[in-house]
Amino acid sequence: MIHIGIKRKYKKYTSRIFTWSIIAILIIVYAIELFFDVNNDINKLLDFGCMNNIAVVTKLQFWRLFTAQFIHAGFFHIICNIVMIYFFGMYLEQFLGHIRYLTIYLLSGVGGNLLSFALGQDNVISCGASTAVFGLMGSVLALYFLNNDNIIAIIIGRQAFLLLICNIVVDFFMPSVDIIGHIGGTITGFLLTIILGSIFFKDAPSKIRVLFCVIFIIYLVYCLRQGMVINL
């Protein structure tokens, strides 16, 4: 009876509805970009919703922190992100549960853009799902941090760690890449996973979750306060 109960409990999480939905939305948005020839025009990219610190501060367009994660500047850009979303989403959505997974994905995209807003260059534009993708890596690392005695957590945690290090190293040699946003996404995904927990692995004690919630709030406040200062 115990085994049957466990199977029933996790059966509803075996689908990857949000992973496939995210990928579908990214493809649809990119198709619209191609139709309007957005990729070759900076002004069109801005109108479409890319991240730009000056626009956020002077016009209070904070929605760009969210919309930028759905826009891509080129075919290679979107393909790389879709592959990574598929790779991590196939098991993270099952481990976290649908709503937690979607929440961590979307808020990691925002959290990564927030750190870029705080510490990045103010006169550039940025876009792409990579802030959210790095959030998924941070999420896997959090699961490993909490469950380093679990063979599944160990395997996926080591894979995520290697991919994270490789990507960060590559970012240093690609000046057009928003490395600050990637780091911010990783931090956000890690913190949120500790706070929200999962349905498959054991969670952090309640005191630790409260502590990480406070840290996350401090992170948000710092990024917003720092980002509102424009340096031209």
Protein backbone atom coordinates (compact mmCIF):
# COMPACT_ATOMS: atom_id res chain seq x y z
CA MET A 1 0.00 0.00 0.00
CA ILE A 2 2.86 2.39 0.73
CA HIS A 3 4.44 1.88 -2.68
CA ILE A 4 1.07 2.32 -4.41
CA GLY A 5 0.51 5.56 -2.51
CA ILE A 6 3.90 6.91 -3.53
CA LYS A 7 3.30 6.06 -7.18
CA ARG A 8 -0.07 7.77 -7.11
CA LYS A 9 1.39 10.82 -5.41
CA TYR A 10 4.04 11.39 -8.06
CA LYS A 11 2.13 10.18 -11.11
CA LYS A 12 0.58 13.60 -11.77
CA TYR A 13 4.06 15.15 -11.93
CA THR A 14 5.46 12.83 -14.59
CA SER A 15 4.34 15.09 -17.43
CA ARG A 16 6.53 18.04 -18.40
CA ILE A 17 3.70 20.35 -19.41
CA PHE A 18 5.43 23.57 -18.38
CA THR A 19 8.78 22.62 -19.90
CA TRP A 20 7.13 22.02 -23.27
CA SER A 21 4.94 25.12 -22.85
CA ILE A 22 7.98 27.33 -22.17
CA ILE A 23 9.78 25.96 -25.22
CA ALA A 24 6.67 26.49 -27.37
CA ILE A 25 6.28 30.09 -26.18
CA LEU A 26 9.94 30.87 -26.90
CA ILE A 27 9.60 29.46 -30.43
CA ILE A 28 6.40 31.44 -31.07
CA VAL A 29 7.95 34.69 -29.81
CA TYR A 30 11.05 34.12 -31.94
CA ALA A 31 8.86 33.47 -35.00
CA ILE A 32 7.16 36.83 -34.39
CA GLU A 33 10.59 38.45 -34.09
CA LEU A 34 11.57 37.03 -37.46
CA PHE A 35 8.30 38.14 -39.05
CA PHE A 36 8.87 41.76 -37.94
CA ASP A 37 12.66 41.56 -38.53
CA VAL A 38 13.26 42.48 -34.89
CA ASN A 39 16.71 40.88 -34.55
CA ASN A 40 18.39 43.39 -36.87
CA ASP A 41 17.05 46.55 -35.23
CA ILE A 42 17.99 47.70 -31.72
CA ASN A 43 14.97 49.99 -31.50
CA LYS A 44 12.65 47.13 -32.39
CA LEU A 45 14.32 44.91 -29.79
CA LEU A 46 13.67 47.61 -27.20
CA ASP A 47 10.05 47.98 -28.31
CA PHE A 48 9.68 44.20 -28.13
CA GLY A 49 10.64 44.16 -24.45
CA CYS A 50 14.40 43.68 -24.10
CA MET A 51 16.08 44.69 -20.85
CA ASN A 52 17.57 48.18 -20.68
CA ASN A 53 18.45 49.85 -17.40
CA ILE A 54 17.82 53.38 -18.62
CA ALA A 55 14.34 52.50 -19.87
CA VAL A 56 13.53 50.80 -16.56
CA VAL A 57 14.66 53.78 -14.46
CA THR A 58 13.58 56.77 -16.55
CA LYS A 59 10.29 55.31 -17.84
CA LEU A 60 9.62 52.93 -14.93
CA GLN A 61 9.34 50.00 -17.34
CA PHE A 62 9.97 47.31 -14.74
CA TRP A 63 8.07 44.81 -16.88
CA ARG A 64 11.25 44.49 -18.96
CA LEU A 65 12.75 42.47 -16.11
CA PHE A 66 10.16 39.81 -16.99
CA THR A 67 9.68 40.10 -20.75
CA ALA A 68 13.40 40.07 -21.65
CA GLN A 69 13.63 36.36 -20.84
CA PHE A 70 11.32 35.48 -23.74
CA ILE A 71 13.23 37.39 -26.45
CA HIS A 72 16.27 36.12 -28.36
CA ALA A 73 18.78 37.83 -30.61
CA GLY A 74 19.49 35.12 -33.16
CA PHE A 75 18.87 31.49 -34.03
CA PHE A 76 21.92 30.10 -32.19
CA HIS A 77 20.91 32.09 -29.11
CA ILE A 78 17.45 30.54 -28.85
CA ILE A 79 18.56 27.01 -29.79
CA CYS A 80 21.17 26.91 -27.01
CA ASN A 81 18.62 28.02 -24.43
CA ILE A 82 15.94 25.60 -25.63
CA VAL A 83 18.37 22.67 -25.40
CA MET A 84 19.28 23.62 -21.84
CA ILE A 85 15.65 24.11 -20.83
CA TYR A 86 14.81 20.68 -22.21
CA PHE A 87 17.82 19.07 -20.51
CA PHE A 88 17.06 20.43 -17.04
CA GLY A 89 13.28 20.66 -17.36
CA MET A 90 12.83 16.98 -18.14
CA TYR A 91 13.70 16.00 -14.59
CA LEU A 92 13.40 19.25 -12.59
CA GLU A 93 9.69 19.65 -13.32
CA GLN A 94 9.15 16.15 -11.94
CA PHE A 95 11.36 16.69 -8.89
CA LEU A 96 10.01 20.14 -7.98
CA GLY A 97 6.39 19.78 -9.04
CA HIS A 98 4.76 21.82 -11.81
CA ILE A 99 3.99 25.05 -9.95
CA ARG A 100 7.30 25.21 -8.07
CA TYR A 101 9.18 24.53 -11.30
CA LEU A 102 7.40 27.28 -13.24
CA THR A 103 7.78 29.72 -10.35
CA ILE A 104 11.52 29.08 -10.03
CA TYR A 105 12.02 29.29 -13.79
CA LEU A 106 10.19 32.60 -14.26
CA LEU A 107 11.50 34.28 -11.11
CA SER A 108 15.07 33.20 -11.90
CA GLY A 109 14.74 35.03 -15.20
CA VAL A 110 13.61 38.13 -13.33
CA GLY A 111 16.20 37.66 -10.57
CA GLY A 112 19.02 37.38 -13.09
CA ASN A 113 17.88 40.54 -14.86
CA LEU A 114 17.66 42.27 -11.48
CA LEU A 115 21.33 41.66 -10.68
CA SER A 116 22.23 42.88 -14.17
CA PHE A 117 20.03 45.91 -13.48
CA ALA A 118 22.02 46.55 -10.31
CA LEU A 119 25.56 45.87 -11.49
CA GLY A 120 25.48 45.77 -15.30
CA GLN A 121 26.07 48.46 -17.89
CA ASP A 122 23.21 50.92 -18.15
CA ASN A 123 23.47 51.80 -21.85
CA VAL A 124 23.17 48.27 -23.29
CA ILE A 125 20.21 46.03 -24.05
CA SER A 126 19.98 42.37 -23.09
CA CYS A 127 17.57 39.52 -23.65
CA GLY A 128 17.29 35.76 -23.60
CA ALA A 129 16.12 32.87 -21.44
CA SER A 130 19.63 32.19 -20.16
CA THR A 131 18.97 33.97 -16.83
CA ALA A 132 16.14 31.50 -16.23
CA VAL A 133 18.26 28.59 -17.51
CA PHE A 134 20.99 29.43 -15.02
CA GLY A 135 18.25 29.55 -12.41
CA LEU A 136 17.48 25.92 -13.22
CA MET A 137 21.16 25.10 -12.70
CA GLY A 138 21.03 26.88 -9.34
CA SER A 139 17.92 24.88 -8.50
CA VAL A 140 19.70 21.59 -9.18
CA LEU A 141 22.63 22.70 -7.03
CA ALA A 142 20.22 23.47 -4.19
CA LEU A 143 18.69 20.00 -4.45
CA TYR A 144 22.20 18.53 -4.31
CA PHE A 145 23.09 20.76 -1.35
CA LEU A 146 20.08 19.44 0.58
CA ASN A 147 20.35 15.83 -0.57
CA ASN A 148 24.05 15.02 -0.98
CA ASP A 149 23.37 11.53 0.32
CA ASN A 150 20.96 10.78 -2.53
CA ILE A 151 22.48 9.17 -5.63
CA ILE A 152 20.05 10.91 -8.01
CA ALA A 153 20.77 14.32 -6.48
CA ILE A 154 24.51 13.62 -6.63
CA ILE A 155 24.43 12.72 -10.34
CA ILE A 156 22.34 15.67 -11.52
CA GLY A 157 24.11 18.01 -9.09
CA ARG A 158 27.54 17.19 -10.49
CA GLN A 159 26.28 17.59 -14.05
CA ALA A 160 24.79 20.98 -13.23
CA PHE A 161 27.96 22.10 -11.43
CA LEU A 162 30.17 21.19 -14.40
CA LEU A 163 27.83 22.89 -16.87
CA LEU A 164 27.66 25.98 -14.66
CA ILE A 165 31.45 26.27 -14.38
CA CYS A 166 31.94 25.69 -18.11
CA ASN A 167 29.35 28.30 -19.01
CA ILE A 168 30.72 30.90 -16.61
CA VAL A 169 34.25 30.38 -17.98
CA VAL A 170 33.00 30.72 -21.56
CA ASP A 171 31.09 33.88 -20.58
CA PHE A 172 34.35 35.60 -19.63
CA PHE A 173 35.56 35.26 -23.23
CA MET A 174 32.30 36.47 -24.79
CA PRO A 175 31.86 40.21 -24.07
CA SER A 176 28.34 40.23 -25.52
CA VAL A 177 27.12 37.75 -22.89
CA ASP A 178 25.49 39.08 -19.71
CA ILE A 179 27.53 37.13 -17.17
CA ILE A 180 26.10 39.18 -14.29
CA GLY A 181 22.59 38.15 -15.31
CA HIS A 182 23.68 34.51 -15.42
CA ILE A 183 25.11 34.72 -11.91
CA GLY A 184 21.94 36.43 -10.71
CA GLY A 185 19.78 33.73 -12.23
CA THR A 186 21.85 31.03 -10.51
CA ILE A 187 21.57 32.77 -7.14
CA THR A 188 17.82 33.22 -7.51
CA GLY A 189 17.20 29.61 -8.56
CA PHE A 190 19.29 28.33 -5.64
CA LEU A 191 17.57 30.51 -3.04
CA LEU A 192 14.05 29.83 -4.29
CA THR A 193 14.57 26.07 -4.33
CA ILE A 194 15.72 26.14 -0.72
CA ILE A 195 12.68 28.25 0.18
CA LEU A 196 10.03 26.39 -1.83
CA GLY A 197 11.36 22.84 -1.53
CA SER A 198 10.45 19.93 -3.79
CA ILE A 199 8.07 16.96 -3.93
CA PHE A 200 10.75 14.36 -4.59
CA PHE A 201 13.66 15.17 -2.24
CA LYS A 202 13.82 16.17 1.40
CA ASP A 203 13.50 19.87 2.17
CA ALA A 204 15.51 22.22 4.35
CA PRO A 205 14.44 22.71 7.99
CA SER A 206 11.92 25.50 8.48
CA LYS A 207 14.47 27.80 10.15
CA ILE A 208 16.82 27.48 7.18
CA ARG A 209 13.97 28.22 4.77
CA VAL A 210 13.06 31.36 6.71
CA LEU A 211 16.72 32.45 6.72
CA PHE A 212 16.99 31.98 2.95
CA CYS A 213 13.72 33.87 2.50
CA VAL A 214 15.25 36.83 4.35
CA ILE A 215 18.39 36.57 2.20
CA PHE A 216 16.23 36.58 -0.93
CA ILE A 217 14.36 39.69 0.21
CA ILE A 218 17.68 41.44 0.92
CA TYR A 219 18.87 40.42 -2.56
CA LEU A 220 15.76 41.93 -4.18
CA VAL A 221 15.96 45.17 -2.18
CA TYR A 222 19.67 45.60 -2.90
CA CYS A 223 19.24 45.03 -6.64
CA LEU A 224 16.34 47.47 -6.89
CA ARG A 225 18.08 50.20 -4.87
CA GLN A 226 21.38 49.80 -6.71
CA GLY A 227 19.73 49.56 -10.10
CA MET A 228 17.88 52.85 -9.70
CA VAL A 229 21.24 54.67 -9.85
CA ILE A 230 22.16 55.29 -13.49
CA ASN A 231 25.82 55.76 -14.45
CA LEU A 232 26.29 57.04 -18.00
